[in-house]
Every structure is written in C-alpha cells, then in structure tokens.
C-alpha cells in the first residue's frame, strides 16, 4: 500500500468512465478523457488498454506529488 493510500477515506475514492486517447505530443502517450470533462494520465497502462477510442470504466488513485 502506498503511504498516501493509508490516509484515504471513502469520500476520497473516485471512479468514472471515459475514453482512452492517444496524444502524439513529446513522443506520444495515452490518457483518459473522462466523461466528467477531466483529463487523467494513467501510469503503467497495460497494453490491452492502449487503444485510442476505447471506452473504459476506471477507479484512479490520485497522486499529489
């Protein structure tokens, strides 16, 4: 468990739906365009999810560093 996870409460947990997008900036990367209008940068995205236009449901852990 990450140290920041120890301090998370149920109110801090978020989930959402969105679309995987490939961004061809600085060598390219994948992000999630959330249906809530927010943009998410997933770390360690597995190959099966690296598909531009793929609809996903996600439950991120927010990093503040």
N, C-alpha and C. Protein backbone atom coordinates (compact mmCIF):
# COMPACT_ATOMS: atom_id res chain seq x y z
N UNK A 1 0.85 -1.17 0.00
CA UNK A 1 0.00 0.00 0.00
C UNK A 1 0.90 1.24 0.00
N UNK A 2 0.56 2.21 -0.81
CA UNK A 2 1.30 3.45 -0.86
C UNK A 2 0.96 4.29 0.36
N UNK A 3 1.91 5.09 0.87
CA UNK A 3 1.64 5.91 2.05
C UNK A 3 0.41 6.79 1.91
N UNK A 4 0.20 7.37 0.74
CA UNK A 4 -0.95 8.25 0.55
C UNK A 4 -2.27 7.48 0.62
N UNK A 5 -2.24 6.18 0.30
CA UNK A 5 -3.45 5.37 0.35
C UNK A 5 -3.91 5.15 1.78
N UNK A 6 -2.98 5.13 2.72
CA UNK A 6 -3.32 4.89 4.11
C UNK A 6 -4.21 5.99 4.66
N UNK A 7 -4.08 7.19 4.13
CA UNK A 7 -4.84 8.33 4.62
C UNK A 7 -6.11 8.60 3.82
N UNK A 8 -6.44 7.73 2.86
CA UNK A 8 -7.62 7.96 2.03
C UNK A 8 -8.86 7.43 2.72
N UNK A 9 -9.93 8.20 2.67
CA UNK A 9 -11.21 7.75 3.20
C UNK A 9 -12.13 7.40 2.04
N UNK A 10 -13.29 6.87 2.35
CA UNK A 10 -14.26 6.53 1.30
C UNK A 10 -14.65 7.76 0.51
N UNK A 11 -14.65 8.92 1.15
CA UNK A 11 -15.01 10.16 0.46
C UNK A 11 -13.96 10.55 -0.58
N UNK A 12 -12.71 10.07 -0.39
CA UNK A 12 -11.63 10.39 -1.32
C UNK A 12 -11.63 9.49 -2.55
N UNK A 13 -12.34 8.38 -2.50
CA UNK A 13 -12.36 7.44 -3.61
C UNK A 13 -13.23 7.99 -4.73
N UNK A 14 -12.68 7.92 -5.95
CA UNK A 14 -13.42 8.40 -7.10
C UNK A 14 -13.46 7.30 -8.16
N UNK A 15 -14.40 7.39 -9.03
CA UNK A 15 -14.48 6.46 -10.16
C UNK A 15 -15.12 7.21 -11.31
N UNK A 16 -14.99 6.67 -12.49
CA UNK A 16 -15.58 7.34 -13.63
C UNK A 16 -15.56 6.50 -14.87
N UNK A 17 -16.02 7.11 -15.93
CA UNK A 17 -15.99 6.49 -17.25
C UNK A 17 -15.37 7.49 -18.20
N UNK A 18 -14.80 7.00 -19.27
CA UNK A 18 -14.18 7.89 -20.23
C UNK A 18 -13.68 7.13 -21.44
N UNK A 19 -12.86 7.81 -22.22
CA UNK A 19 -12.34 7.26 -23.46
C UNK A 19 -10.82 7.38 -23.47
N UNK A 20 -10.15 6.28 -23.79
CA UNK A 20 -8.69 6.30 -23.94
C UNK A 20 -8.36 7.11 -25.19
N UNK A 21 -7.39 8.01 -25.05
CA UNK A 21 -6.95 8.84 -26.17
C UNK A 21 -5.43 8.77 -26.29
N UNK A 22 -4.95 8.63 -27.54
CA UNK A 22 -3.52 8.69 -27.79
C UNK A 22 -3.18 10.14 -28.11
N UNK A 23 -2.23 10.69 -27.39
CA UNK A 23 -1.80 12.07 -27.58
C UNK A 23 -0.40 12.03 -28.19
N UNK A 24 -0.24 12.56 -29.40
CA UNK A 24 1.05 12.50 -30.09
C UNK A 24 1.90 13.73 -29.78
N UNK A 25 2.17 13.94 -28.52
CA UNK A 25 2.97 15.07 -28.04
C UNK A 25 4.20 14.51 -27.34
N UNK A 26 5.37 15.05 -27.64
CA UNK A 26 6.61 14.64 -26.99
C UNK A 26 6.82 13.13 -26.97
N UNK A 27 6.68 12.50 -28.10
CA UNK A 27 6.89 11.07 -28.20
C UNK A 27 5.63 10.24 -28.07
N UNK A 28 4.54 10.85 -27.64
CA UNK A 28 3.26 10.17 -27.55
C UNK A 28 2.99 9.51 -26.21
N UNK A 29 1.73 9.53 -25.81
CA UNK A 29 1.30 8.87 -24.58
C UNK A 29 -0.21 8.68 -24.63
N UNK A 30 -0.71 7.84 -23.75
CA UNK A 30 -2.14 7.59 -23.65
C UNK A 30 -2.70 8.30 -22.43
N UNK A 31 -3.87 8.86 -22.58
CA UNK A 31 -4.57 9.50 -21.49
C UNK A 31 -6.03 9.08 -21.51
N UNK A 32 -6.75 9.50 -20.49
CA UNK A 32 -8.18 9.21 -20.44
C UNK A 32 -8.92 10.54 -20.44
N UNK A 33 -9.82 10.71 -21.40
CA UNK A 33 -10.72 11.86 -21.42
C UNK A 33 -11.97 11.42 -20.67
N UNK A 34 -12.09 11.89 -19.44
CA UNK A 34 -13.22 11.48 -18.61
C UNK A 34 -14.53 12.09 -19.07
N UNK A 35 -15.60 11.36 -18.88
CA UNK A 35 -16.93 11.88 -19.21
C UNK A 35 -17.29 13.08 -18.33
N UNK A 36 -16.54 13.25 -17.23
CA UNK A 36 -16.77 14.39 -16.33
C UNK A 36 -16.05 15.65 -16.82
N UNK A 37 -15.38 15.56 -17.98
CA UNK A 37 -14.67 16.70 -18.54
C UNK A 37 -13.22 16.81 -18.08
N UNK A 38 -12.81 15.96 -17.14
CA UNK A 38 -11.44 15.99 -16.65
C UNK A 38 -10.56 15.08 -17.49
N UNK A 39 -9.26 15.36 -17.46
CA UNK A 39 -8.29 14.54 -18.18
C UNK A 39 -7.43 13.82 -17.16
N UNK A 40 -7.19 12.54 -17.41
CA UNK A 40 -6.43 11.70 -16.50
C UNK A 40 -5.22 11.13 -17.21
N UNK A 41 -4.09 11.07 -16.51
CA UNK A 41 -2.87 10.49 -17.06
C UNK A 41 -2.58 9.20 -16.32
N UNK A 42 -2.94 8.07 -16.91
CA UNK A 42 -2.70 6.79 -16.22
C UNK A 42 -1.22 6.41 -16.26
N UNK A 43 -0.72 5.90 -15.14
CA UNK A 43 0.64 5.40 -15.07
C UNK A 43 0.60 3.89 -15.22
N UNK A 44 1.55 3.34 -15.93
CA UNK A 44 1.66 1.89 -16.10
C UNK A 44 0.42 1.29 -16.77
N UNK A 45 -0.08 1.95 -17.80
CA UNK A 45 -1.23 1.44 -18.55
C UNK A 45 -0.81 0.18 -19.30
N UNK A 46 -1.52 -0.91 -19.10
CA UNK A 46 -1.15 -2.16 -19.76
C UNK A 46 -1.52 -2.12 -21.25
N UNK A 47 -0.86 -2.96 -22.01
CA UNK A 47 -1.00 -2.98 -23.47
C UNK A 47 -2.46 -3.13 -23.91
N UNK A 48 -3.23 -3.93 -23.21
CA UNK A 48 -4.62 -4.18 -23.62
C UNK A 48 -5.48 -2.91 -23.60
N UNK A 49 -5.05 -1.89 -22.86
CA UNK A 49 -5.81 -0.64 -22.79
C UNK A 49 -5.23 0.46 -23.67
N UNK A 50 -4.15 0.17 -24.37
CA UNK A 50 -3.54 1.16 -25.25
C UNK A 50 -4.20 1.12 -26.62
N UNK A 51 -5.44 1.61 -26.66
CA UNK A 51 -6.23 1.62 -27.89
C UNK A 51 -7.02 2.92 -27.95
N UNK A 52 -6.64 3.80 -28.85
CA UNK A 52 -7.31 5.09 -28.98
C UNK A 52 -8.80 4.88 -29.26
N UNK A 53 -9.64 5.52 -28.48
CA UNK A 53 -11.08 5.42 -28.67
C UNK A 53 -11.75 4.37 -27.79
N UNK A 54 -10.96 3.61 -27.04
CA UNK A 54 -11.51 2.56 -26.17
C UNK A 54 -12.28 3.18 -25.01
N UNK A 55 -13.50 2.75 -24.81
CA UNK A 55 -14.32 3.21 -23.68
C UNK A 55 -13.93 2.41 -22.44
N UNK A 56 -13.75 3.10 -21.32
CA UNK A 56 -13.32 2.44 -20.09
C UNK A 56 -14.09 2.96 -18.88
N UNK A 57 -14.15 2.11 -17.87
CA UNK A 57 -14.58 2.50 -16.54
C UNK A 57 -13.34 2.39 -15.67
N UNK A 58 -13.08 3.38 -14.84
CA UNK A 58 -11.84 3.39 -14.08
C UNK A 58 -12.06 3.88 -12.65
N UNK A 59 -11.12 3.51 -11.79
CA UNK A 59 -11.13 3.95 -10.40
C UNK A 59 -9.70 4.35 -10.07
N UNK A 60 -9.35 5.60 -10.32
CA UNK A 60 -7.95 6.02 -10.16
C UNK A 60 -7.56 6.28 -8.70
N UNK A 61 -6.27 6.18 -8.47
CA UNK A 61 -5.68 6.64 -7.21
C UNK A 61 -4.98 7.94 -7.56
N UNK A 62 -5.36 9.01 -6.96
CA UNK A 62 -4.83 10.33 -7.28
C UNK A 62 -3.48 10.53 -6.61
N UNK A 63 -2.49 10.95 -7.40
CA UNK A 63 -1.16 11.28 -6.87
C UNK A 63 -1.06 12.78 -6.74
N UNK A 64 -0.50 13.23 -5.66
CA UNK A 64 -0.36 14.67 -5.45
C UNK A 64 1.10 15.12 -5.52
N UNK A 65 2.00 14.21 -5.87
CA UNK A 65 3.41 14.59 -5.94
C UNK A 65 3.84 15.00 -7.33
